[in-house]
Amino acid sequence: MKDIFKSKTWMPFLALLCAVLWALAYPLIKLGYSEIGIGADDIGSKILFAGIRFTLAGILVLLVFRKQIGACRKPFSVWTWLLLYAVVNITLHYFCSYVGLGYVEGARGSILNASGSFFLIILSCMILTDDRMSVNKVIGCVLGFGGIIFLNIGSGGQMFGNITFLGDVMMILNALCSAFGGIIGKILSRKMTMTIATGLSMVIGGAVLCVIGIVMKPAGAWNISVSGAAILIALTLISAIAFAVYNELLANHPISRVAIYNALIPVFGVVFSCIILKETFHQRYLLAGILVTAGILFTNRQGRKPDAETVTEKK
């Protein structure tokens, strides 16, 4: 199984799988809110919902890879890195995301959220020696981000006007947490088994989100139905599979070559929303997908000097 995550041939397909799963989560979350009775302004319930989802996903990952837990007797410093990873990559990341999305338009939120992928590529090329900035990566980022912006053209409203702290700033902080989480995860992967780190980080980060959601006090009682429970189970599986696979890819490949696939998440997201939520499909979605795909191809295009195999932090 480990050979699959290390394979350059399998990497694009696995990264694409993660993008598809995370994109599928967006309409499912909306359906889940509707089934459970979580209102648009009920931030406490949304954060609690996310906390339950990630806690369950983390437990699932740990159960699947329980045989590897015994090998995780690590010094205190490693557990400090794990705690930092859980807080940044899960708790802060999704707290900022859920608060920010409540105060910005969907189109604007999509652009700001997707910027995390490009922040991650830039930080990776600055910090890690197995990732170096190149002309192809710059072109790839420009095309990818351009595709996301093009995706939202015509969505209405002033795309970059009326900037607010609870909306735009929180979404930018969300993107930065996602980027720094990727870097911390890369470093952590050299200190402990990444699947176990993924499971533990989701349990810890998810539990903290649950506490935050309870403290913020959900606006009303939840309506737990069979369909609502089924959606929560589906979201749990999506989180468990996508995070476990994605983190293994980040551990075994240059981050820029993996992270660029996340630019497809908003593209797939609107497609799934059209299918599941019966939203209108526009031609610009297809053109945006072409631009993002071109960006991925450029970013993963091999230059004259291949990336170094040994991963170390830049001094």
C-alpha atoms as a PDB file:
ATOM      1  CA  MET A   1       0.000   0.000   0.000  1.00  0.00           C
ATOM      2  CA  LYS A   2       2.832   2.397   0.858  1.00  0.00           C
ATOM      3  CA  ASP A   3       4.259   1.934  -2.649  1.00  0.00           C
ATOM      4  CA  ILE A   4       1.055   3.411  -4.111  1.00  0.00           C
ATOM      5  CA  PHE A   5       1.484   6.648  -2.164  1.00  0.00           C
ATOM      6  CA  LYS A   6       5.139   6.877  -3.216  1.00  0.00           C
ATOM      7  CA  SER A   7       4.400   6.199  -6.891  1.00  0.00           C
ATOM      8  CA  LYS A   8       4.643   9.187  -9.253  1.00  0.00           C
ATOM      9  CA  THR A   9       2.254   7.350 -11.573  1.00  0.00           C
ATOM     10  CA  TRP A  10      -0.447   6.955  -8.916  1.00  0.00           C
ATOM     11  CA  MET A  11      -0.015  10.406  -7.373  1.00  0.00           C
ATOM     12  CA  PRO A  12      -2.189  12.345  -9.883  1.00  0.00           C
ATOM     13  CA  PHE A  13      -5.062   9.857  -9.579  1.00  0.00           C
ATOM     14  CA  LEU A  14      -4.966   9.863  -5.769  1.00  0.00           C
ATOM     15  CA  ALA A  15      -4.703  13.669  -5.596  1.00  0.00           C
ATOM     16  CA  LEU A  16      -7.636  13.898  -8.015  1.00  0.00           C
ATOM     17  CA  LEU A  17      -9.609  11.479  -5.812  1.00  0.00           C
ATOM     18  CA  CYS A  18      -9.062  13.756  -2.800  1.00  0.00           C
ATOM     19  CA  ALA A  19     -10.219  16.806  -4.782  1.00  0.00           C
ATOM     20  CA  VAL A  20     -13.375  14.970  -5.904  1.00  0.00           C
ATOM     21  CA  LEU A  21     -14.174  13.800  -2.361  1.00  0.00           C
ATOM     22  CA  TRP A  22     -13.689  17.230  -0.804  1.00  0.00           C
ATOM     23  CA  ALA A  23     -15.760  18.819  -3.589  1.00  0.00           C
ATOM     24  CA  LEU A  24     -18.536  16.292  -2.951  1.00  0.00           C
ATOM     25  CA  ALA A  25     -18.518  17.307   0.709  1.00  0.00           C
ATOM     26  CA  TYR A  26     -19.742  20.857  -0.052  1.00  0.00           C
ATOM     27  CA  PRO A  27     -23.259  19.979  -1.295  1.00  0.00           C
ATOM     28  CA  LEU A  28     -23.510  17.151   1.264  1.00  0.00           C
ATOM     29  CA  ILE A  29     -22.798  19.618   4.083  1.00  0.00           C
ATOM     30  CA  LYS A  30     -25.586  21.870   2.794  1.00  0.00           C
ATOM     31  CA  LEU A  31     -27.935  18.884   2.668  1.00  0.00           C
ATOM     32  CA  GLY A  32     -26.863  17.902   6.161  1.00  0.00           C
ATOM     33  CA  TYR A  33     -27.672  21.355   7.513  1.00  0.00           C
ATOM     34  CA  SER A  34     -31.094  21.182   5.898  1.00  0.00           C
ATOM     35  CA  GLU A  35     -31.871  17.693   7.233  1.00  0.00           C
ATOM     36  CA  ILE A  36     -30.671  18.419  10.775  1.00  0.00           C
ATOM     37  CA  GLY A  37     -32.210  21.896  10.895  1.00  0.00           C
ATOM     38  CA  ILE A  38     -29.090  24.048  11.179  1.00  0.00           C
ATOM     39  CA  GLY A  39     -29.818  27.639  10.156  1.00  0.00           C
ATOM     40  CA  ALA A  40     -27.577  29.784   7.964  1.00  0.00           C
ATOM     41  CA  ASP A  41     -26.552  32.003  10.901  1.00  0.00           C
ATOM     42  CA  ASP A  42     -26.161  29.180  13.445  1.00  0.00           C
ATOM     43  CA  ILE A  43     -22.339  29.203  13.596  1.00  0.00           C
ATOM     44  CA  GLY A  44     -22.257  27.245  16.871  1.00  0.00           C
ATOM     45  CA  SER A  45     -24.156  24.318  15.343  1.00  0.00           C
ATOM     46  CA  LYS A  46     -22.018  24.386  12.203  1.00  0.00           C
ATOM     47  CA  ILE A  47     -18.782  24.221  14.193  1.00  0.00           C
ATOM     48  CA  LEU A  48     -20.187  21.462  16.411  1.00  0.00           C
ATOM     49  CA  PHE A  49     -21.279  19.552  13.288  1.00  0.00           C
ATOM     50  CA  ALA A  50     -17.747  19.871  11.872  1.00  0.00           C
ATOM     51  CA  GLY A  51     -16.243  18.784  15.195  1.00  0.00           C
ATOM     52  CA  ILE A  52     -18.354  15.628  15.325  1.00  0.00           C
ATOM     53  CA  ARG A  53     -17.507  14.876  11.697  1.00  0.00           C
ATOM     54  CA  PHE A  54     -13.722  15.166  12.187  1.00  0.00           C
ATOM     55  CA  THR A  55     -13.691  13.359  15.527  1.00  0.00           C
ATOM     56  CA  LEU A  56     -15.534  10.388  14.027  1.00  0.00           C
ATOM     57  CA  ALA A  57     -13.296  10.453  10.947  1.00  0.00           C
ATOM     58  CA  GLY A  58     -10.173  10.428  13.121  1.00  0.00           C
ATOM     59  CA  ILE A  59     -11.466   7.495  15.156  1.00  0.00           C
ATOM     60  CA  LEU A  60     -12.202   5.623  11.908  1.00  0.00           C
ATOM     61  CA  VAL A  61      -8.654   6.199  10.597  1.00  0.00           C
ATOM     62  CA  LEU A  62      -7.159   5.004  13.902  1.00  0.00           C
ATOM     63  CA  LEU A  63      -9.335   1.869  13.851  1.00  0.00           C
ATOM     64  CA  VAL A  64      -8.296   1.005  10.293  1.00  0.00           C
ATOM     65  CA  PHE A  65      -4.587   1.546  11.028  1.00  0.00           C
ATOM     66  CA  ARG A  66      -4.645   0.417  14.677  1.00  0.00           C
ATOM     67  CA  LYS A  67      -1.740  -2.021  14.136  1.00  0.00           C
ATOM     68  CA  GLN A  68       0.548   0.974  13.516  1.00  0.00           C
ATOM     69  CA  ILE A  69      -0.375   2.708  16.786  1.00  0.00           C
ATOM     70  CA  GLY A  70       2.052   0.579  18.788  1.00  0.00           C
ATOM     71  CA  ALA A  71       4.968   2.005  16.818  1.00  0.00           C
ATOM     72  CA  CYS A  72       4.109   5.557  17.860  1.00  0.00           C
ATOM     73  CA  ARG A  73       6.045   5.735  21.126  1.00  0.00           C
ATOM     74  CA  LYS A  74       7.617   9.107  20.416  1.00  0.00           C
ATOM     75  CA  PRO A  75       9.418  11.758  22.473  1.00  0.00           C
ATOM     76  CA  PHE A  76       7.476  14.735  23.832  1.00  0.00           C
ATOM     77  CA  SER A  77       8.731  17.024  21.064  1.00  0.00           C
ATOM     78  CA  VAL A  78       6.978  14.884  18.421  1.00  0.00           C
ATOM     79  CA  TRP A  79       3.675  15.066  20.293  1.00  0.00           C
ATOM     80  CA  THR A  80       4.109  18.831  20.435  1.00  0.00           C
ATOM     81  CA  TRP A  81       4.316  18.876  16.635  1.00  0.00           C
ATOM     82  CA  LEU A  82       1.201  16.672  16.486  1.00  0.00           C
ATOM     83  CA  LEU A  83      -0.745  19.007  18.760  1.00  0.00           C
ATOM     84  CA  LEU A  84       0.329  22.008  16.670  1.00  0.00           C
ATOM     85  CA  TYR A  85      -0.739  20.135  13.525  1.00  0.00           C
ATOM     86  CA  ALA A  86      -4.164  19.305  14.987  1.00  0.00           C
ATOM     87  CA  VAL A  87      -4.837  22.854  16.157  1.00  0.00           C
ATOM     88  CA  VAL A  88      -3.672  24.563  12.949  1.00  0.00           C
ATOM     89  CA  ASN A  89      -4.826  22.070  10.299  1.00  0.00           C
ATOM     90  CA  ILE A  90      -8.189  21.134  11.839  1.00  0.00           C
ATOM     91  CA  THR A  91      -9.343  23.440  14.655  1.00  0.00           C
ATOM     92  CA  LEU A  92      -8.214  26.882  13.453  1.00  0.00           C
ATOM     93  CA  HIS A  93      -8.569  25.985   9.769  1.00  0.00           C
ATOM     94  CA  TYR A  94     -12.210  24.961  10.009  1.00  0.00           C
ATOM     95  CA  PHE A  95     -13.189  27.467  12.693  1.00  0.00           C
ATOM     96  CA  CYS A  96     -12.053  30.323  10.433  1.00  0.00           C
ATOM     97  CA  SER A  97     -13.686  28.647   7.437  1.00  0.00           C
ATOM     98  CA  TYR A  98     -17.110  28.176   9.021  1.00  0.00           C
ATOM     99  CA  VAL A  99     -17.166  31.679  10.511  1.00  0.00           C
ATOM    100  CA  GLY A 100     -15.897  33.315   7.303  1.00  0.00           C
ATOM    101  CA  LEU A 101     -18.333  31.541   4.992  1.00  0.00           C
ATOM    102  CA  GLY A 102     -21.184  32.931   7.062  1.00  0.00           C
ATOM    103  CA  TYR A 103     -20.187  36.500   6.176  1.00  0.00           C
ATOM    104  CA  VAL A 104     -19.075  36.354   2.526  1.00  0.00           C
ATOM    105  CA  GLU A 105     -20.815  35.465  -0.707  1.00  0.00           C
ATOM    106  CA  GLY A 106     -20.301  31.923  -1.942  1.00  0.00           C
ATOM    107  CA  ALA A 107     -18.329  33.033  -5.005  1.00  0.00           C
ATOM    108  CA  ARG A 108     -15.967  35.223  -3.012  1.00  0.00           C
ATOM    109  CA  GLY A 109     -15.554  32.556  -0.356  1.00  0.00           C
ATOM    110  CA  SER A 110     -14.659  30.030  -3.050  1.00  0.00           C
ATOM    111  CA  ILE A 111     -11.831  32.234  -4.316  1.00  0.00           C
ATOM    112  CA  LEU A 112     -10.464  33.049  -0.862  1.00  0.00           C
ATOM    113  CA  ASN A 113     -10.698  29.427   0.292  1.00  0.00           C
ATOM    114  CA  ALA A 114      -8.916  28.117  -2.808  1.00  0.00           C
ATOM    115  CA  SER A 115      -6.039  30.550  -2.227  1.00  0.00           C
ATOM    116  CA  GLY A 116      -4.827  28.130   0.454  1.00  0.00           C
ATOM    117  CA  SER A 117      -3.530  25.794  -2.246  1.00  0.00           C
ATOM    118  CA  PHE A 118      -1.385  28.536  -3.740  1.00  0.00           C
ATOM    119  CA  PHE A 119      -0.188  29.743  -0.323  1.00  0.00           C
ATOM    120  CA  LEU A 120       0.888  26.154   0.350  1.00  0.00           C
ATOM    121  CA  ILE A 121       2.839  25.947  -2.913  1.00  0.00           C
ATOM    122  CA  ILE A 122       4.633  29.238  -2.175  1.00  0.00           C
ATOM    123  CA  LEU A 123       5.463  28.264   1.417  1.00  0.00           C
ATOM    124  CA  SER A 124       6.648  24.837   0.329  1.00  0.00           C
ATOM    125  CA  CYS A 125       9.057  26.321  -2.203  1.00  0.00           C
ATOM    126  CA  MET A 126      10.347  28.735   0.463  1.00  0.00           C
ATOM    127  CA  ILE A 127      10.797  26.221   3.299  1.00  0.00           C
ATOM    128  CA  LEU A 128      11.368  22.719   1.890  1.00  0.00           C
ATOM    129  CA  THR A 129      14.341  21.696  -0.228  1.00  0.00           C
ATOM    130  CA  ASP A 130      12.432  19.101  -2.272  1.00  0.00           C
ATOM    131  CA  ASP A 131      10.260  21.881  -3.714  1.00  0.00           C
ATOM    132  CA  ARG A 132      11.732  24.691  -5.796  1.00  0.00           C
ATOM    133  CA  MET A 133       9.846  27.456  -7.546  1.00  0.00           C
ATOM    134  CA  SER A 134      10.037  27.314 -11.327  1.00  0.00           C
ATOM    135  CA  VAL A 135       8.539  29.093 -14.318  1.00  0.00           C
ATOM    136  CA  ASN A 136       6.196  26.141 -14.867  1.00  0.00           C
ATOM    137  CA  LYS A 137       4.909  26.344 -11.291  1.00  0.00           C
ATOM    138  CA  VAL A 138       4.343  30.094 -11.552  1.00  0.00           C
ATOM    139  CA  ILE A 139       2.390  29.609 -14.790  1.00  0.00           C
ATOM    140  CA  GLY A 140       0.489  26.727 -13.215  1.00  0.00           C
ATOM    141  CA  CYS A 141      -0.514  28.813 -10.184  1.00  0.00           C
ATOM    142  CA  VAL A 142      -1.591  31.735 -12.383  1.00  0.00           C
ATOM    143  CA  LEU A 143      -3.713  29.468 -14.589  1.00  0.00           C
ATOM    144  CA  GLY A 144      -5.169  27.608 -11.601  1.00  0.00           C
ATOM    145  CA  PHE A 145      -6.095  30.728  -9.662  1.00  0.00           C
ATOM    146  CA  GLY A 146      -7.310  32.387 -12.868  1.00  0.00           C
ATOM    147  CA  GLY A 147      -9.614  29.434 -13.457  1.00  0.00           C
ATOM    148  CA  ILE A 148     -11.114  29.791  -9.980  1.00  0.00           C
ATOM    149  CA  ILE A 149     -11.729  33.508 -10.495  1.00  0.00           C
ATOM    150  CA  PHE A 150     -13.231  32.815 -13.941  1.00  0.00           C
ATOM    151  CA  LEU A 151     -15.465  30.219 -12.292  1.00  0.00           C
ATOM    152  CA  ASN A 152     -17.089  32.993 -10.266  1.00  0.00           C
ATOM    153  CA  ILE A 153     -17.458  35.638 -12.981  1.00  0.00           C
ATOM    154  CA  GLY A 154     -21.053  36.697 -13.250  1.00  0.00           C
ATOM    155  CA  SER A 155     -21.985  35.327  -9.825  1.00  0.00           C
ATOM    156  CA  GLY A 156     -23.218  38.765  -8.785  1.00  0.00           C
ATOM    157  CA  GLY A 157     -22.099  41.310  -6.255  1.00  0.00           C
ATOM    158  CA  GLN A 158     -18.839  43.211  -6.012  1.00  0.00           C
ATOM    159  CA  MET A 159     -16.251  40.454  -5.883  1.00  0.00           C
ATOM    160  CA  PHE A 160     -13.605  42.410  -4.025  1.00  0.00           C
ATOM    161  CA  GLY A 161     -15.549  45.247  -2.427  1.00  0.00           C
ATOM    162  CA  ASN A 162     -16.822  45.702   1.131  1.00  0.00           C
ATOM    163  CA  ILE A 163     -14.040  43.723   2.815  1.00  0.00           C
ATOM    164  CA  THR A 164     -14.933  42.617   6.369  1.00  0.00           C
ATOM    165  CA  PHE A 165     -12.963  41.016   9.218  1.00  0.00           C
ATOM    166  CA  LEU A 166     -15.473  38.248   9.998  1.00  0.00           C
ATOM    167  CA  GLY A 167     -15.829  37.457   6.301  1.00  0.00           C
ATOM    168  CA  ASP A 168     -12.803  38.085   4.093  1.00  0.00           C
ATOM    169  CA  VAL A 169     -10.120  38.192   6.786  1.00  0.00           C
ATOM    170  CA  MET A 170     -11.358  34.975   8.412  1.00  0.00           C
ATOM    171  CA  MET A 171     -11.349  33.244   5.008  1.00  0.00           C
ATOM    172  CA  ILE A 172      -7.766  34.392   4.370  1.00  0.00           C
ATOM    173  CA  LEU A 173      -6.764  33.122   7.828  1.00  0.00           C
ATOM    174  CA  ASN A 174      -8.496  29.848   6.942  1.00  0.00           C
ATOM    175  CA  ALA A 175      -6.403  29.595   3.762  1.00  0.00           C
ATOM    176  CA  LEU A 176      -3.192  30.386   5.675  1.00  0.00           C
ATOM    177  CA  CYS A 177      -4.006  27.747   8.315  1.00  0.00           C
ATOM    178  CA  SER A 178      -4.533  25.217   5.531  1.00  0.00           C
ATOM    179  CA  ALA A 179      -1.170  26.147   3.984  1.00  0.00           C
ATOM    180  CA  PHE A 180       0.797  26.085   7.252  1.00  0.00           C
ATOM    181  CA  GLY A 181      -0.976  22.843   8.157  1.00  0.00           C
ATOM    182  CA  GLY A 182       0.403  21.260   4.993  1.00  0.00           C
ATOM    183  CA  ILE A 183       3.943  22.362   5.872  1.00  0.00           C
ATOM    184  CA  ILE A 184       3.643  21.147   9.474  1.00  0.00           C
ATOM    185  CA  GLY A 185       2.258  17.841   8.210  1.00  0.00           C
ATOM    186  CA  LYS A 186       5.233  17.424   5.877  1.00  0.00           C
ATOM    187  CA  ILE A 187       7.640  17.964   8.778  1.00  0.00           C
ATOM    188  CA  LEU A 188       5.596  15.696  11.066  1.00  0.00           C
ATOM    189  CA  SER A 189       5.646  12.899   8.458  1.00  0.00           C
ATOM    190  CA  ARG A 190       9.397  12.539   9.102  1.00  0.00           C
ATOM    191  CA  LYS A 191       8.790  12.080  12.812  1.00  0.00           C
ATOM    192  CA  MET A 192       5.880   9.604  12.961  1.00  0.00           C
ATOM    193  CA  THR A 193       3.605   7.448  10.766  1.00  0.00           C
ATOM    194  CA  MET A 194       1.421   9.855   8.790  1.00  0.00           C
ATOM    195  CA  THR A 195      -1.777   7.788   8.906  1.00  0.00           C
ATOM    196  CA  ILE A 196      -1.649   7.721  12.711  1.00  0.00           C
ATOM    197  CA  ALA A 197      -0.772  11.436  12.802  1.00  0.00           C
ATOM    198  CA  THR A 198      -3.789  12.087  10.559  1.00  0.00           C
ATOM    199  CA  GLY A 199      -6.161  10.102  12.768  1.00  0.00           C
ATOM    200  CA  LEU A 200      -4.918  11.610  16.027  1.00  0.00           C
ATOM    201  CA  SER A 201      -4.938  15.156  14.640  1.00  0.00           C
ATOM    202  CA  MET A 202      -8.556  14.803  13.495  1.00  0.00           C
ATOM    203  CA  VAL A 203      -9.638  13.409  16.876  1.00  0.00           C
ATOM    204  CA  ILE A 204      -7.854  16.187  18.789  1.00  0.00           C
ATOM    205  CA  GLY A 205      -8.798  18.996  16.391  1.00  0.00           C
ATOM    206  CA  GLY A 206     -12.354  17.719  16.068  1.00  0.00           C
ATOM    207  CA  ALA A 207     -12.794  17.453  19.842  1.00  0.00           C
ATOM    208  CA  VAL A 208     -11.658  21.072  20.273  1.00  0.00           C
ATOM    209  CA  LEU A 209     -14.149  22.140  17.575  1.00  0.00           C
ATOM    210  CA  CYS A 210     -16.905  20.316  19.480  1.00  0.00           C
ATOM    211  CA  VAL A 211     -16.039  22.234  22.643  1.00  0.00           C
ATOM    212  CA  ILE A 212     -15.995  25.540  20.734  1.00  0.00           C
ATOM    213  CA  GLY A 213     -19.347  24.741  19.112  1.00  0.00           C
ATOM    214  CA  ILE A 214     -20.932  23.922  22.490  1.00  0.00           C
ATOM    215  CA  VAL A 215     -19.517  27.101  24.090  1.00  0.00           C
ATOM    216  CA  MET A 216     -20.914  29.171  21.199  1.00  0.00           C
ATOM    217  CA  LYS A 217     -24.296  27.541  21.920  1.00  0.00           C
ATOM    218  CA  PRO A 218     -26.225  26.112  18.948  1.00  0.00           C
ATOM    219  CA  ALA A 219     -29.272  28.214  18.141  1.00  0.00           C
ATOM    220  CA  GLY A 220     -31.730  25.341  18.421  1.00  0.00           C
ATOM    221  CA  ALA A 221     -32.191  21.606  18.902  1.00  0.00           C
ATOM    222  CA  TRP A 222     -31.111  19.348  16.054  1.00  0.00           C
ATOM    223  CA  ASN A 223     -33.592  17.194  14.165  1.00  0.00           C
ATOM    224  CA  ILE A 224     -31.732  13.878  13.954  1.00  0.00           C
ATOM    225  CA  SER A 225     -33.206  11.821  11.108  1.00  0.00           C
ATOM    226  CA  VAL A 226     -32.080   8.719   9.229  1.00  0.00           C
ATOM    227  CA  SER A 227     -31.141  10.797   6.182  1.00  0.00           C
ATOM    228  CA  GLY A 228     -29.265  13.312   8.354  1.00  0.00           C
ATOM    229  CA  ALA A 229     -27.312  10.505  10.047  1.00  0.00           C
ATOM    230  CA  ALA A 230     -26.534   8.972   6.649  1.00  0.00           C
ATOM    231  CA  ILE A 231     -25.133  12.294   5.398  1.00  0.00           C
ATOM    232  CA  LEU A 232     -22.968  12.626   8.531  1.00  0.00           C
ATOM    233  CA  ILE A 233     -21.642   9.092   7.980  1.00  0.00           C
ATOM    234  CA  ALA A 234     -20.876   9.915   4.334  1.00  0.00           C
ATOM    235  CA  LEU A 235     -19.038  13.097   5.354  1.00  0.00           C
ATOM    236  CA  THR A 236     -17.099  11.142   7.978  1.00  0.00           C
ATOM    237  CA  LEU A 237     -15.965   8.628   5.351  1.00  0.00           C
ATOM    238  CA  ILE A 238     -15.015  11.448   2.971  1.00  0.00           C
ATOM    239  CA  SER A 239     -12.887  13.148   5.628  1.00  0.00           C
ATOM    240  CA  ALA A 240     -11.226   9.911   6.728  1.00  0.00           C
ATOM    241  CA  ILE A 241     -10.320   8.790   3.202  1.00  0.00           C
ATOM    242  CA  ALA A 242      -9.394  12.189   1.747  1.00  0.00           C
ATOM    243  CA  PHE A 243      -7.230  13.343   4.675  1.00  0.00           C
ATOM    244  CA  ALA A 244      -5.474   9.990   5.045  1.00  0.00           C
ATOM    245  CA  VAL A 245      -4.652   9.770   1.330  1.00  0.00           C
ATOM    246  CA  TYR A 246      -3.784  13.465   0.885  1.00  0.00           C
ATOM    247  CA  ASN A 247      -1.461  13.576   3.896  1.00  0.00           C
ATOM    248  CA  GLU A 248       0.366  10.480   2.667  1.00  0.00           C
ATOM    249  CA  LEU A 249       0.821  12.146  -0.730  1.00  0.00           C
ATOM    250  CA  LEU A 250       2.216  15.297   0.892  1.00  0.00           C
ATOM    251  CA  ALA A 251       4.614  13.131   2.892  1.00  0.00           C
ATOM    252  CA  ASN A 252       5.946  11.335  -0.183  1.00  0.00           C
ATOM    253  CA  HIS A 253       5.925  13.974  -2.950  1.00  0.00           C
ATOM    254  CA  PRO A 254       6.877  17.650  -3.411  1.00  0.00           C
ATOM    255  CA  ILE A 255       3.962  19.625  -1.984  1.00  0.00           C
ATOM    256  CA  SER A 256       3.481  21.852  -5.046  1.00  0.00           C
ATOM    257  CA  ARG A 257       2.831  18.846  -7.292  1.00  0.00           C
ATOM    258  CA  VAL A 258       0.077  17.612  -4.977  1.00  0.00           C
ATOM    259  CA  ALA A 259      -1.486  20.852  -3.690  1.00  0.00           C
ATOM    260  CA  ILE A 260      -2.249  22.225  -7.162  1.00  0.00           C
ATOM    261  CA  TYR A 261      -4.955  19.550  -7.567  1.00  0.00           C
ATOM    262  CA  ASN A 262      -6.928  21.303  -4.811  1.00  0.00           C
ATOM    263  CA  ALA A 263      -7.628  24.052  -7.340  1.00  0.00           C
ATOM    264  CA  LEU A 264     -10.129  21.604  -8.835  1.00  0.00           C
ATOM    265  CA  ILE A 265     -12.181  21.447  -5.626  1.00  0.00           C
ATOM    266  CA  PRO A 266     -14.353  24.545  -6.363  1.00  0.00           C
ATOM    267  CA  VAL A 267     -14.731  23.410  -9.978  1.00  0.00           C
ATOM    268  CA  PHE A 268     -15.943  19.940  -9.000  1.00  0.00           C
ATOM    269  CA  GLY A 269     -17.900  21.551  -6.177  1.00  0.00           C
ATOM    270  CA  VAL A 270     -20.150  23.576  -8.477  1.00  0.00           C
ATOM    271  CA  VAL A 271     -20.655  20.519 -10.711  1.00  0.00           C
ATOM    272  CA  PHE A 272     -21.749  18.384  -7.755  1.00  0.00           C
ATOM    273  CA  SER A 273     -23.949  21.232  -6.520  1.00  0.00           C
ATOM    274  CA  CYS A 274     -25.646  21.300  -9.925  1.00  0.00           C
ATOM    275  CA  ILE A 275     -26.251  17.548  -9.756  1.00  0.00           C
ATOM    276  CA  ILE A 276     -27.181  17.161  -6.080  1.00  0.00           C
ATOM    277  CA  LEU A 277     -28.695  20.541  -5.230  1.00  0.00           C
ATOM    278  CA  LYS A 278     -30.170  21.124  -8.715  1.00  0.00           C
ATOM    279  CA  GLU A 279     -28.289  24.387  -9.183  1.00  0.00           C
ATOM    280  CA  THR A 280     -27.878  25.894 -12.658  1.00  0.00           C
ATOM    281  CA  PHE A 281     -24.866  24.760 -14.712  1.00  0.00           C
ATOM    282  CA  HIS A 282     -23.037  27.499 -16.633  1.00  0.00           C
ATOM    283  CA  GLN A 283     -20.584  27.168 -19.507  1.00  0.00           C
ATOM    284  CA  ARG A 284     -17.963  29.088 -17.545  1.00  0.00           C
ATOM    285  CA  TYR A 285     -17.690  26.082 -15.197  1.00  0.00           C
ATOM    286  CA  LEU A 286     -16.312  23.992 -18.058  1.00  0.00           C
ATOM    287  CA  LEU A 287     -13.902  26.721 -19.171  1.00  0.00           C
ATOM    288  CA  ALA A 288     -12.735  27.208 -15.586  1.00  0.00           C
ATOM    289  CA  GLY A 289     -12.055  23.478 -15.369  1.00  0.00           C
ATOM    290  CA  ILE A 290      -9.927  23.659 -18.513  1.00  0.00           C
ATOM    291  CA  LEU A 291      -7.860  26.536 -17.081  1.00  0.00           C
ATOM    292  CA  VAL A 292      -7.307  24.744 -13.769  1.00  0.00           C
ATOM    293  CA  THR A 293      -6.376  21.519 -15.571  1.00  0.00           C
ATOM    294  CA  ALA A 294      -3.836  23.433 -17.650  1.00  0.00           C
ATOM    295  CA  GLY A 295      -2.440  24.867 -14.419  1.00  0.00           C
ATOM    296  CA  ILE A 296      -2.046  21.367 -12.970  1.00  0.00           C
ATOM    297  CA  LEU A 297      -0.233  20.163 -16.091  1.00  0.00           C
ATOM    298  CA  PHE A 298       2.170  23.113 -15.994  1.00  0.00           C
ATOM    299  CA  THR A 299       2.866  22.714 -12.268  1.00  0.00           C
ATOM    300  CA  ASN A 300       3.675  19.015 -12.655  1.00  0.00           C
ATOM    301  CA  ARG A 301       5.668  19.459 -15.845  1.00  0.00           C
ATOM    302  CA  GLN A 302       9.227  18.245 -15.279  1.00  0.00           C
ATOM    303  CA  GLY A 303      11.968  20.798 -15.739  1.00  0.00           C
ATOM    304  CA  ARG A 304      15.537  20.092 -16.671  1.00  0.00           C
ATOM    305  CA  LYS A 305      16.486  19.430 -13.047  1.00  0.00           C
ATOM    306  CA  PRO A 306      14.139  17.056 -11.208  1.00  0.00           C
ATOM    307  CA  ASP A 307      13.149  17.756  -7.652  1.00  0.00           C
ATOM    308  CA  ALA A 308      15.514  16.421  -5.054  1.00  0.00           C
ATOM    309  CA  GLU A 309      14.504  13.129  -3.451  1.00  0.00           C
ATOM    310  CA  THR A 310      15.667  13.975   0.057  1.00  0.00           C
ATOM    311  CA  VAL A 311      13.320  16.203   2.029  1.00  0.00           C
ATOM    312  CA  THR A 312      14.943  18.557   4.500  1.00  0.00           C
ATOM    313  CA  GLU A 313      14.044  21.970   5.837  1.00  0.00           C
ATOM    314  CA  LYS A 314      15.835  24.876   4.233  1.00  0.00           C
ATOM    315  CA  LYS A 315      18.306  26.540   6.545  1.00  0.00           C
END
